[in-house]
């Protein structure tokens, strides 16, 4: 039986180092790209993969590119504009319930967790096709592949034969395997966001000499905030910006650039991003509006930017955002065009609205609540709230997480991550778009598609343990409590008062919220 090309199996996945690859089912036209992967392998890697260095690679590439997506199936991991294949995983049925599995990883992509991620994806496909167990034949010297199987979380069984090791395991994901894959995903998110919130160097593209411009404000904030690394102004027409030597392009900067803040007109952003990719920049913060929140042309511009960043391994915050902040004295990063740096503290805040984020920073300052990190997500073309939750889960400087959300890219994934993170760090969220008018306004603000009803959002937050707030004031009331008091271990409440009426109201409110008044 031959099955049509399964487009639902296409996905961008984050590797251990925070970069991304495009994983999709193999196609017949991949034969030449697959052959390029096989011929690029070292002699040792080729021997370990095929049990011989003298295998006919052209015939093997031709065979592996011909699949029916049922009895035979293959996944490739591709990168770059030419979709260079850097990983290949395949299975071939032995009988109705068993399939033999094999992997090939490019030499320069080993150690990034790609093999394990491909294994998980392939197992999910096989299980959906009725295949219950995978079998792999591995040379005893192929310790890398054996480690992939052992570290995967699958309950493997091994049988050592004279010249090879037979590895067998079920295709169904056990709770242990699911946890292992989630932890690997978290490592990728943490490493990606390290380049955003703890960059070693920053370039401001569009840094301006003219007061009142976005580029001028961002560059000034980075300098006045005392950022711990070098800050490079990039301006095509000025040799000096705010008394600092400027560069005409990112590529002209003599030193490495970890993160670039882009504040140029929307029609120039793609060209700037291409320069950043060639320079080896790891993260972009795109402040510019005029993308998915506008019209069809803006949405196509945003998709083109995302494709470019996927091809070059860069990650994006935004576009259409106000920037990012890390108040740690070791970093002191204020890459926003806001009026002031928030006070340092242990509350992290992510906002899909830039203006609301600025208002929240001022509210935090007024209330004396310190912020550890602030991220304006904007259109969420790439970096999302899910990524930030996973980063802040392990961030030692953060105790409480605040979110302002207008949409969910993947509600099920959000619920799963929030439930895990919330066990150790409370999450408080405002979700706008409660009304029909609010939902329409959301779509025109950040291009977000609001598909979940307010009742569904309430259910999602309740299931995930997220505390819902209705206003900025309420958000920071809750944050103030959580940041200064230990979380209660139960639901019993004591009321201390010197007046009767307010005590009665307090008791009524507590019981209405499911608390027991002692």
Foldseek 3Di string as FASTA:
>chain_A
DFDPQPPVLWDWAFWLLQFIWIKGWAAQVCLVLQLVQQVQADQVLNCFQPVHSPDPSSVVSNVLNDDRLAQKIKMFTFFAPVRRTQKMKMWHDPDQAEIEIGMGGHPVCPPRCPVLVRLLSVLVSNVVNNHFKYKYKGFPVPVSVVVSVVLQQFPWDWDDDPGTIIIMTTSDQDPSNVVSVVVRRLSSLQSLCCLAAVNQEEEEEPQDQDPPAFNVLLVVQQVVLPFPHYYAYADLPDQDHPNHGHHPAPQRDPDQHAEYEYDDELVCVQVNLLRCLVSLHAEYEAAYDQALLADPVRPVSLVSSVSSCSNSRHFYQAHNAFGKAACPPNGSRDRGSAPDHAAAAAEEEEELDRVVQSVLSVVCNVVVHHYGMYGHRFLVSDDDPLSVLSNSLPDPSHAEYEYEEAADPDLVSVLVSLLVSCVRHAYEYEYWPQDVVRQVVSCNGRVHHHDDHPVRVVVSCVSSVHHYDHDSVRRVVVVVCPRPDPDDPDQEDEDDDDDDPVVVVVCVVSVVVVGHYD
